[in-house]
Amino acid sequence: MSSLLKEPNRKAVALVLGSGSSRGWAHIGAIEALEEEGIPIDFISGCSVGSYVGAIYASGNLASLKDFILRMDGKKVFSYFDVVFPRSGLLDGTKKVTELFSMHTAAERFSDLNIPVMMVASDLHQGEKVILKSGNLLQALRATMSFPGLFAPARVKGRWLIDGALVDPVPVGVARATEADVVIAIDLNSGIASRRMKKPNIKDIETLGQDESKSKSELLIKLSDYYETAEVAFKEKINRLLGRDADVPDIIDTVLTSVNIMVERITRINLAVEPPDILVQPRLGALKMMDFDQVNYTIEEGYIGVKEKMEDIKALLEIPR
C-alpha cells in the first residue's frame, strides 16, 4: 500500500475502481497484482462496490475482506441486506452494509484512511454526479452503493443519493482531478450487456435468523412462491393465445439487464471522452449482478487482467522490467 507521502521523483498513481456488484471482487485481485509488482497507489476513485473495496484497501484491511468473502456463499450475502419492501427500494442496507464494512476496519471518516479515496454517487432529483471525499465514510459508502429499486436511496447532506453507476461507472475524470501522473482504471462492465439473462431463484435466499429479518424474508419467499405459480399459469395462457415462446424474462431479469445495458453504454462513452492511461477490463461479462458464489473466479480474473497490462504500467511509471 502506498502512503499519503509519496517518494520524491516517483510518478503518482491513481487507481479507478469501477462499479460491478458481484463482479466487484475482481478489484481485490487487481490490487493484489499491483502490490505484487510493487506498483504504488496514491489515490483511489471508486463507484459502488469499487468504492467499498477501495476504502477497505485504503484502511489497510484488504486481506480481511478477501478472507471473509472466500468463506461466504451467495446465499449468505443476502443476510446483510435489510428488507424494507415495499418502500423506495426492496432493501435498506444502512445497518447491515455498515456492519459488513466495520467488520474489516474501524475507519468511520475519510480522514481515517491511509490513501485519499473519492466516491461517486448520483443525485436522485438533479441527475448530477456527486463526489464524496470527506466527512462520514460509512454514509458515503451507503450512497454510492444504492442500486436504484434494489436499495433505498441514501440521504446525505440534504440530498437523496443513489448508485454512482448511473452517471459515472468508472470515474476516470475524478482521478484526473487529483495530482496523479498515471491513471489506471479497472472496468468491470465490459461485455455485460450481451450476456444471456437467467432468472434468479429467490427461494435460495438465506435469512439471518433474527425475528424481524426472518419474517420479512419469509414474506419475500411467500411472495416469490405466489409470483412463480401465478406467473407460470399466466404465461401459459398468454403464450397459448399468442403462440409466444414461454422463455420470457421476468421483471427482475428485465430491470437488472436493462441497467446493465445502460451502465455498459455509459461506461463506453465516458471512457472515450476521458480515457485512462491504462484500462483493465477483466473477462467477467458472463457474471450476473448477484453471482456472489463466483468469488475465486472473479478475484482471479481481476488479477490476470492487471498482470496482462503490467509491462505497459511499468513503462509509464518508468520502472525497470
Protein backbone atom coordinates (compact mmCIF):
# COMPACT_ATOMS: atom_id res chain seq x y z
CA MET A 1 0.00 0.00 0.00
CA SER A 2 1.16 3.49 -0.78
CA SER A 3 1.08 6.14 1.90
CA LEU A 4 -0.07 9.74 1.93
CA LEU A 5 3.56 10.77 1.45
CA LYS A 6 4.93 9.98 -1.99
CA GLU A 7 8.63 9.26 -2.51
CA PRO A 8 10.38 12.09 -4.40
CA ASN A 9 10.88 11.71 -8.17
CA ARG A 10 8.25 8.98 -8.38
CA LYS A 11 5.17 9.28 -10.54
CA ALA A 12 1.93 9.36 -8.58
CA VAL A 13 -0.67 6.71 -9.41
CA ALA A 14 -4.45 6.95 -9.20
CA LEU A 15 -6.44 3.71 -9.24
CA VAL A 16 -10.01 3.82 -10.54
CA LEU A 17 -12.26 1.01 -9.27
CA GLY A 18 -15.50 0.77 -11.25
CA SER A 19 -18.96 -0.46 -10.36
CA GLY A 20 -19.98 -4.07 -10.90
CA SER A 21 -21.86 -5.60 -7.95
CA SER A 22 -20.70 -9.25 -7.59
CA ARG A 23 -18.02 -8.60 -10.21
CA GLY A 24 -16.52 -6.09 -7.77
CA TRP A 25 -14.42 -8.73 -6.04
CA ALA A 26 -12.20 -8.59 -9.14
CA HIS A 27 -10.81 -5.38 -7.67
CA ILE A 28 -9.20 -7.46 -4.93
CA GLY A 29 -7.24 -9.48 -7.48
CA ALA A 30 -6.33 -6.32 -9.39
CA ILE A 31 -4.93 -4.64 -6.28
CA GLU A 32 -3.04 -7.78 -5.32
CA ALA A 33 -1.40 -7.87 -8.75
CA LEU A 34 -0.32 -4.24 -8.42
CA GLU A 35 1.08 -4.78 -4.95
CA GLU A 36 2.90 -7.93 -6.04
CA GLU A 37 4.73 -5.89 -8.69
CA GLY A 38 5.47 -3.03 -6.31
CA ILE A 39 3.16 -0.56 -8.07
CA PRO A 40 2.24 2.24 -5.65
CA ILE A 41 -1.31 3.57 -5.28
CA ASP A 42 -1.54 7.19 -4.20
CA PHE A 43 -5.18 7.98 -4.94
CA ILE A 44 -8.35 5.92 -5.35
CA SER A 45 -11.57 6.91 -7.08
CA GLY A 46 -14.41 4.45 -6.92
CA CYS A 47 -18.02 3.81 -7.77
CA SER A 48 -20.40 1.49 -5.94
CA VAL A 49 -18.63 -1.77 -4.99
CA GLY A 50 -15.39 -0.22 -6.26
CA SER A 51 -15.68 2.38 -3.51
CA TYR A 52 -16.27 -0.35 -0.95
CA VAL A 53 -13.21 -2.39 -1.91
CA GLY A 54 -11.12 0.76 -2.32
CA ALA A 55 -12.00 2.10 1.12
CA ILE A 56 -11.17 -1.18 2.83
CA TYR A 57 -7.86 -1.34 0.95
CA ALA A 58 -7.11 2.27 1.88
CA SER A 59 -7.68 1.36 5.53
CA GLY A 60 -5.11 -1.44 5.28
CA ASN A 61 -7.53 -4.36 5.64
CA LEU A 62 -7.98 -5.87 2.19
CA ALA A 63 -6.75 -9.29 3.38
CA SER A 64 -9.54 -9.37 5.97
CA LEU A 65 -12.17 -8.70 3.32
CA LYS A 66 -10.76 -11.35 0.99
CA ASP A 67 -10.70 -13.98 3.72
CA PHE A 68 -14.28 -13.12 4.65
CA ILE A 69 -15.79 -13.32 1.17
CA LEU A 70 -13.95 -16.53 0.35
CA ARG A 71 -15.79 -18.13 3.27
CA MET A 72 -19.19 -16.80 2.22
CA ASP A 73 -21.54 -18.29 -0.31
CA GLY A 74 -24.04 -16.49 -2.48
CA LYS A 75 -26.92 -17.12 -0.09
CA LYS A 76 -25.24 -15.55 2.95
CA VAL A 77 -24.66 -12.30 1.09
CA PHE A 78 -28.40 -11.60 1.28
CA SER A 79 -28.32 -11.84 5.08
CA TYR A 80 -26.51 -8.50 5.07
CA PHE A 81 -29.42 -6.74 3.40
CA ASP A 82 -32.24 -5.12 5.40
CA VAL A 83 -35.56 -5.92 3.72
CA VAL A 84 -37.85 -2.85 3.66
CA PHE A 85 -40.29 -3.95 0.93
CA PRO A 86 -42.29 -2.16 -0.38
CA ARG A 87 -40.71 1.28 0.25
CA SER A 88 -38.37 3.14 -2.15
CA GLY A 89 -36.25 0.03 -2.54
CA LEU A 90 -36.53 -3.65 -1.69
CA LEU A 91 -33.54 -3.36 0.64
CA ASP A 92 -32.28 -0.70 3.03
CA GLY A 93 -28.74 -1.84 3.74
CA THR A 94 -27.86 1.02 6.09
CA LYS A 95 -27.33 -1.11 9.19
CA LYS A 96 -26.10 -4.36 7.67
CA VAL A 97 -23.85 -2.87 4.98
CA THR A 98 -22.31 -0.65 7.65
CA GLU A 99 -21.72 -3.72 9.80
CA LEU A 100 -20.16 -5.53 6.86
CA PHE A 101 -17.71 -2.67 6.35
CA SER A 102 -16.95 -2.25 10.06
CA MET A 103 -16.08 -5.94 10.35
CA HIS A 104 -12.88 -5.20 8.42
CA THR A 105 -11.88 -1.73 9.55
CA ALA A 106 -12.50 0.79 12.31
CA ALA A 107 -12.41 3.67 9.82
CA GLU A 108 -15.53 5.84 10.01
CA ARG A 109 -14.38 9.01 8.26
CA PHE A 110 -12.44 9.67 5.08
CA SER A 111 -9.65 11.17 7.19
CA ASP A 112 -9.14 7.75 8.84
CA LEU A 113 -7.90 6.24 5.56
CA ASN A 114 -4.24 5.87 4.59
CA ILE A 115 -4.91 6.77 0.94
CA PRO A 116 -7.20 9.57 -0.33
CA VAL A 117 -10.43 7.99 -1.60
CA MET A 118 -13.11 9.68 -3.71
CA MET A 119 -16.53 8.10 -4.26
CA VAL A 120 -19.14 8.80 -6.90
CA ALA A 121 -22.89 8.86 -6.26
CA SER A 122 -25.86 10.18 -8.27
CA ASP A 123 -28.26 12.87 -7.12
CA LEU A 124 -31.70 11.27 -7.48
CA HIS A 125 -33.53 14.51 -8.23
CA GLN A 126 -30.95 16.52 -10.17
CA GLY A 127 -29.33 13.65 -12.07
CA GLU A 128 -25.92 15.08 -11.22
CA LYS A 129 -22.69 13.35 -10.32
CA VAL A 130 -21.82 13.84 -6.66
CA ILE A 131 -18.24 13.32 -5.48
CA LEU A 132 -17.86 12.26 -1.85
CA LYS A 133 -14.36 12.60 -0.42
CA SER A 134 -14.64 13.95 3.12
CA GLY A 135 -16.73 13.53 6.22
CA ASN A 136 -18.73 10.42 7.09
CA LEU A 137 -17.23 7.44 5.24
CA LEU A 138 -19.99 4.97 6.07
CA GLN A 139 -22.68 7.35 4.86
CA ALA A 140 -20.79 7.86 1.58
CA LEU A 141 -20.46 4.11 1.04
CA ARG A 142 -24.16 3.66 1.64
CA ALA A 143 -24.87 6.30 -1.03
CA THR A 144 -22.51 5.11 -3.76
CA MET A 145 -23.86 1.55 -3.46
CA SER A 146 -27.59 2.40 -3.55
CA PHE A 147 -28.61 0.49 -6.67
CA PRO A 148 -31.95 2.01 -7.75
CA GLY A 149 -35.01 -0.07 -6.98
CA LEU A 150 -32.95 -2.60 -5.06
CA PHE A 151 -31.55 -0.36 -2.31
CA ALA A 152 -33.40 2.58 -0.84
CA PRO A 153 -31.73 5.95 -1.59
CA ALA A 154 -29.34 7.42 0.99
CA ARG A 155 -29.84 10.86 2.50
CA VAL A 156 -26.54 12.78 2.52
CA LYS A 157 -26.32 16.49 3.36
CA GLY A 158 -29.91 17.09 2.37
CA ARG A 159 -29.69 15.21 -0.96
CA TRP A 160 -31.14 11.83 -1.89
CA LEU A 161 -28.28 9.88 -3.44
CA ILE A 162 -28.22 6.62 -5.38
CA ASP A 163 -25.62 4.44 -7.09
CA GLY A 164 -22.93 6.39 -8.92
CA ALA A 165 -23.01 3.90 -11.81
CA LEU A 166 -25.94 5.81 -13.28
CA VAL A 167 -23.66 8.76 -14.11
CA ASP A 168 -20.04 7.59 -13.91
CA PRO A 169 -19.47 3.83 -13.50
CA VAL A 170 -15.66 4.13 -13.94
CA PRO A 171 -14.79 7.61 -12.59
CA VAL A 172 -11.60 8.38 -14.50
CA GLY A 173 -12.32 12.12 -14.52
CA VAL A 174 -12.40 12.15 -10.73
CA ALA A 175 -8.95 10.54 -10.67
CA ARG A 176 -7.66 13.03 -13.25
CA ALA A 177 -8.59 15.87 -10.89
CA THR A 178 -6.01 14.63 -8.37
CA GLU A 179 -2.24 15.11 -8.56
CA ALA A 180 -1.80 11.70 -10.18
CA ASP A 181 0.60 11.35 -13.11
CA VAL A 182 -0.77 7.96 -14.19
CA VAL A 183 -4.38 6.74 -14.02
CA ILE A 184 -5.10 3.00 -14.01
CA ALA A 185 -8.77 2.10 -14.41
CA ILE A 186 -10.48 -1.23 -13.72
CA ASP A 187 -13.67 -1.52 -15.78
CA LEU A 188 -15.93 -4.43 -14.79
CA ASN A 189 -18.77 -3.57 -17.16
CA SER A 190 -17.27 -4.66 -20.48
CA GLY A 191 -19.45 -7.24 -22.23
CA ILE A 192 -22.16 -7.45 -19.57
CA ALA A 193 -24.96 -6.19 -21.83
CA SER A 194 -24.64 -9.05 -24.29
CA ARG A 195 -24.75 -11.98 -21.89
CA ARG A 196 -27.86 -14.15 -21.72
CA MET A 197 -30.33 -13.37 -18.95
CA LYS A 198 -31.10 -16.03 -16.37
CA LYS A 199 -33.87 -15.97 -13.84
CA PRO A 200 -32.64 -15.89 -10.20
CA ASN A 201 -34.03 -18.33 -7.66
CA ILE A 202 -35.37 -16.19 -4.83
CA LYS A 203 -36.07 -19.30 -2.73
CA ASP A 204 -32.33 -19.76 -2.25
CA ILE A 205 -32.08 -16.59 -0.16
CA GLU A 206 -31.00 -17.42 3.41
CA THR A 207 -32.15 -15.41 6.43
CA LEU A 208 -30.15 -14.19 9.40
CA GLY A 209 -32.38 -15.85 11.97
CA GLN A 210 -33.46 -12.58 13.59
CA ASP A 211 -37.22 -12.39 14.15
CA GLU A 212 -37.78 -9.26 12.06
CA SER A 213 -35.43 -10.33 9.29
CA LYS A 214 -36.92 -13.82 9.33
CA SER A 215 -40.50 -12.60 8.99
CA LYS A 216 -39.58 -10.24 6.15
CA SER A 217 -37.61 -12.91 4.34
CA GLU A 218 -40.46 -15.38 4.77
CA LEU A 219 -42.75 -12.77 3.25
CA LEU A 220 -40.47 -12.46 0.23
CA ILE A 221 -40.35 -16.23 -0.16
CA LYS A 222 -44.14 -16.47 0.04
CA LEU A 223 -44.46 -13.68 -2.48
CA SER A 224 -41.91 -15.46 -4.64
CA ASP A 225 -43.88 -18.74 -4.47
CA TYR A 226 -47.11 -16.95 -5.34
CA TYR A 227 -45.44 -14.97 -8.10
CA GLU A 228 -43.87 -18.04 -9.67
CA THR A 229 -47.10 -20.07 -9.52
CA ALA A 230 -49.18 -17.22 -10.93
CA GLU A 231 -46.52 -16.38 -13.48
CA VAL A 232 -46.42 -19.90 -14.87
CA ALA A 233 -50.20 -20.06 -15.26
CA PHE A 234 -50.40 -16.56 -16.73
CA LYS A 235 -47.57 -17.13 -19.19
CA GLU A 236 -49.05 -20.43 -20.32
CA LYS A 237 -52.37 -18.74 -21.14
CA ILE A 238 -50.76 -15.77 -22.90
CA ASN A 239 -48.36 -17.97 -24.82
CA ARG A 240 -51.17 -20.25 -25.97
CA LEU A 241 -53.16 -17.25 -27.19
CA LEU A 242 -50.24 -15.51 -28.88
CA GLY A 243 -48.13 -18.50 -29.82
CA ARG A 244 -45.22 -16.91 -27.97
CA ASP A 245 -42.09 -18.61 -26.66
CA ALA A 246 -42.56 -19.42 -22.98
CA ASP A 247 -38.96 -18.43 -22.15
CA VAL A 248 -39.81 -14.81 -21.33
CA PRO A 249 -37.63 -12.79 -18.91
CA ASP A 250 -39.32 -11.81 -15.65
CA ILE A 251 -39.39 -8.33 -14.12
CA ILE A 252 -36.16 -8.80 -12.12
CA ASP A 253 -34.29 -10.01 -15.19
CA THR A 254 -35.70 -7.14 -17.21
CA VAL A 255 -34.76 -4.41 -14.71
CA LEU A 256 -31.26 -5.69 -13.94
CA THR A 257 -30.39 -6.43 -17.55
CA SER A 258 -31.72 -3.04 -18.64
CA VAL A 259 -29.49 -1.34 -16.08
CA ASN A 260 -26.55 -3.45 -17.28
CA ILE A 261 -27.12 -2.24 -20.84
CA MET A 262 -27.29 1.36 -19.67
CA VAL A 263 -24.20 1.12 -17.46
CA GLU A 264 -22.12 -0.51 -20.18
CA ARG A 265 -23.09 2.19 -22.67
CA ILE A 266 -22.38 5.00 -20.19
CA THR A 267 -19.03 3.42 -19.38
CA ARG A 268 -18.10 3.18 -23.04
CA ILE A 269 -18.97 6.82 -23.71
CA ASN A 270 -17.24 8.15 -20.59
CA LEU A 271 -14.05 6.19 -21.28
CA ALA A 272 -13.97 7.53 -24.83
CA VAL A 273 -14.21 11.10 -23.54
CA GLU A 274 -11.85 10.65 -20.58
CA PRO A 275 -9.64 7.61 -21.21
CA PRO A 276 -7.29 6.39 -18.50
CA ASP A 277 -3.61 5.78 -19.16
CA ILE A 278 -4.14 2.07 -18.53
CA LEU A 279 -7.50 0.36 -18.97
CA VAL A 280 -8.02 -3.09 -17.46
CA GLN A 281 -11.18 -4.99 -18.42
CA PRO A 282 -11.35 -8.40 -16.70
CA ARG A 283 -13.31 -11.06 -18.58
CA LEU A 284 -16.42 -11.06 -16.41
CA GLY A 285 -19.20 -10.48 -18.94
CA ALA A 286 -20.90 -13.81 -18.18
CA LEU A 287 -21.47 -12.97 -14.50
CA LYS A 288 -24.82 -11.66 -13.30
CA MET A 289 -25.30 -8.91 -10.76
CA MET A 290 -25.90 -11.37 -7.91
CA ASP A 291 -23.34 -14.09 -8.77
CA PHE A 292 -21.68 -13.82 -5.36
CA ASP A 293 -20.79 -17.52 -5.41
CA GLN A 294 -18.10 -16.97 -8.08
CA VAL A 295 -15.60 -15.29 -5.75
CA ASN A 296 -12.45 -17.23 -6.66
CA TYR A 297 -13.06 -16.86 -10.39
CA THR A 298 -13.83 -13.15 -10.05
CA ILE A 299 -10.71 -12.37 -7.99
CA GLU A 300 -8.53 -14.39 -10.36
CA GLU A 301 -9.82 -12.55 -13.43
CA GLY A 302 -9.03 -9.22 -11.80
CA TYR A 303 -5.51 -10.42 -11.03
CA ILE A 304 -4.97 -11.73 -14.58
CA GLY A 305 -6.35 -8.56 -16.13
CA VAL A 306 -3.77 -6.38 -14.37
CA LYS A 307 -0.92 -8.81 -15.00
CA GLU A 308 -1.65 -8.66 -18.72
CA LYS A 309 -1.15 -4.87 -18.60
CA MET A 310 1.90 -4.90 -16.33
CA GLU A 311 4.50 -4.12 -18.99
CA ASP A 312 2.55 -1.07 -20.06
CA ILE A 313 2.10 0.05 -16.45
CA LYS A 314 5.81 -0.23 -15.69
CA ALA A 315 6.72 1.57 -18.89
CA LEU A 316 4.51 4.53 -17.95
CA LEU A 317 5.94 4.61 -14.45
CA GLU A 318 9.48 4.18 -15.81
CA ILE A 319 10.04 1.12 -13.65
CA PRO A 320 12.69 -1.34 -14.90
CA ARG A 321 11.08 -4.54 -16.19
